[in-house]
Amino acid sequence: MSRNRTARLPASPPGPRPPTSWELEDLFVDPGYRRRGIATALVSRIAEVLRARGVERLEVTANPHALGFYRAAGFVDCGVAETDFGAAPRMVLAIS
């Protein structure tokens, strides 16, 4: 019996494709550490990891007070969501 065996993998993994869109929930930076680029670095790293996994979009229901941050990070408006606190902007970041 040979100890050398070659496994052949399919061109794409079996089963359903991974989702092409992911949701960002609850991104917060402690007030004492804000305005230091931490949230921007977190979003950049999340996008990098998701891009490597074939994800195309990162979506968020944004707190209206954070719209400036999300827009500066590259998110664009894509609708409105109803939340327990009322209407909130939906935003998307293209990461493909």
Protein backbone atom coordinates (compact mmCIF):
# COMPACT_ATOMS: atom_id res chain seq x y z
CA MET A 1 0.00 0.00 0.00
CA SER A 2 1.36 3.37 -1.00
CA ARG A 3 1.68 6.08 1.61
CA ASN A 4 1.66 8.81 -1.02
CA ARG A 5 -1.85 9.75 -1.96
CA THR A 6 -3.11 12.75 -3.84
CA ALA A 7 -6.40 14.33 -2.89
CA ARG A 8 -8.23 16.27 -5.55
CA LEU A 9 -10.38 19.13 -4.42
CA PRO A 10 -13.30 20.43 -6.45
CA ALA A 11 -12.88 23.82 -8.14
CA SER A 12 -15.40 25.24 -5.67
CA PRO A 13 -16.42 23.91 -2.29
CA PRO A 14 -19.41 21.57 -2.26
CA GLY A 15 -22.68 22.79 -0.87
CA PRO A 16 -24.20 26.25 -0.86
CA ARG A 17 -22.09 29.29 -1.61
CA PRO A 18 -21.16 31.48 1.35
CA PRO A 19 -23.23 34.65 1.67
CA THR A 20 -22.05 37.54 -0.49
CA SER A 21 -23.36 40.14 1.96
CA TRP A 22 -22.65 40.39 5.69
CA GLU A 23 -24.17 42.59 8.38
CA LEU A 24 -22.09 44.78 10.70
CA GLU A 25 -23.76 45.07 14.09
CA ASP A 26 -22.89 47.05 17.19
CA LEU A 27 -19.60 48.74 16.35
CA PHE A 28 -18.67 50.87 19.34
CA VAL A 29 -15.45 52.46 20.57
CA ASP A 30 -15.14 53.49 24.21
CA PRO A 31 -15.54 57.29 24.41
CA GLY A 32 -12.06 57.71 25.89
CA TYR A 33 -10.52 56.12 22.78
CA ARG A 34 -12.58 57.78 20.04
CA ARG A 35 -11.09 59.89 17.24
CA ARG A 36 -7.95 57.72 17.11
CA GLY A 37 -8.82 55.67 14.01
CA ILE A 38 -9.83 52.56 15.93
CA ALA A 39 -13.27 52.14 14.32
CA THR A 40 -11.82 52.85 10.88
CA ALA A 41 -9.13 50.22 11.45
CA LEU A 42 -11.76 47.72 12.62
CA VAL A 43 -13.96 48.28 9.54
CA SER A 44 -10.90 48.04 7.27
CA ARG A 45 -9.83 44.73 8.83
CA ILE A 46 -13.36 43.32 8.68
CA ALA A 47 -13.58 44.26 4.99
CA GLU A 48 -10.17 42.70 4.32
CA VAL A 49 -11.16 39.39 5.92
CA LEU A 50 -14.53 39.30 4.19
CA ARG A 51 -12.99 40.17 0.81
CA ALA A 52 -10.61 37.23 1.16
CA ARG A 53 -13.65 35.01 1.77
CA GLY A 54 -15.47 36.20 -1.35
CA VAL A 55 -17.96 38.49 0.38
CA GLU A 56 -18.98 41.44 -1.78
CA ARG A 57 -20.87 43.76 0.57
CA LEU A 58 -20.84 44.82 4.20
CA GLU A 59 -24.16 46.30 5.34
CA VAL A 60 -25.13 48.23 8.43
CA THR A 61 -28.18 49.84 9.99
CA ALA A 62 -26.48 53.04 11.05
CA ASN A 63 -27.07 55.09 14.14
CA PRO A 64 -27.92 58.54 12.75
CA HIS A 65 -25.17 60.03 14.94
CA ALA A 66 -22.60 57.81 13.18
CA LEU A 67 -23.51 58.67 9.56
CA GLY A 68 -20.41 60.84 9.13
CA PHE A 69 -18.17 58.00 10.25
CA TYR A 70 -19.79 55.42 7.98
CA ARG A 71 -19.69 57.75 4.98
CA ALA A 72 -16.03 58.55 5.63
CA ALA A 73 -15.36 54.78 5.82
CA GLY A 74 -16.86 54.35 2.33
CA PHE A 75 -20.41 53.25 3.14
CA VAL A 76 -23.21 54.66 0.98
CA ASP A 77 -26.91 55.01 1.74
CA CYS A 78 -29.06 52.16 0.43
CA GLY A 79 -32.40 52.52 2.22
CA VAL A 80 -34.13 52.83 5.56
CA ALA A 81 -34.77 50.20 8.23
CA GLU A 82 -37.41 50.27 10.93
CA THR A 83 -35.86 49.58 14.34
CA ASP A 84 -37.15 49.55 17.91
CA PHE A 85 -35.94 53.16 18.09
CA GLY A 86 -37.57 54.33 14.84
CA ALA A 87 -36.32 54.64 11.28
CA ALA A 88 -32.58 54.30 10.73
CA PRO A 89 -30.43 54.61 7.61
CA ARG A 90 -29.28 51.42 5.87
CA MET A 91 -25.79 51.68 4.40
CA VAL A 92 -23.56 49.40 2.36
CA LEU A 93 -19.82 49.15 1.76
CA ALA A 94 -18.75 47.44 -1.48
CA ILE A 95 -15.75 45.28 -0.61
CA SER A 96 -15.30 43.07 -3.67
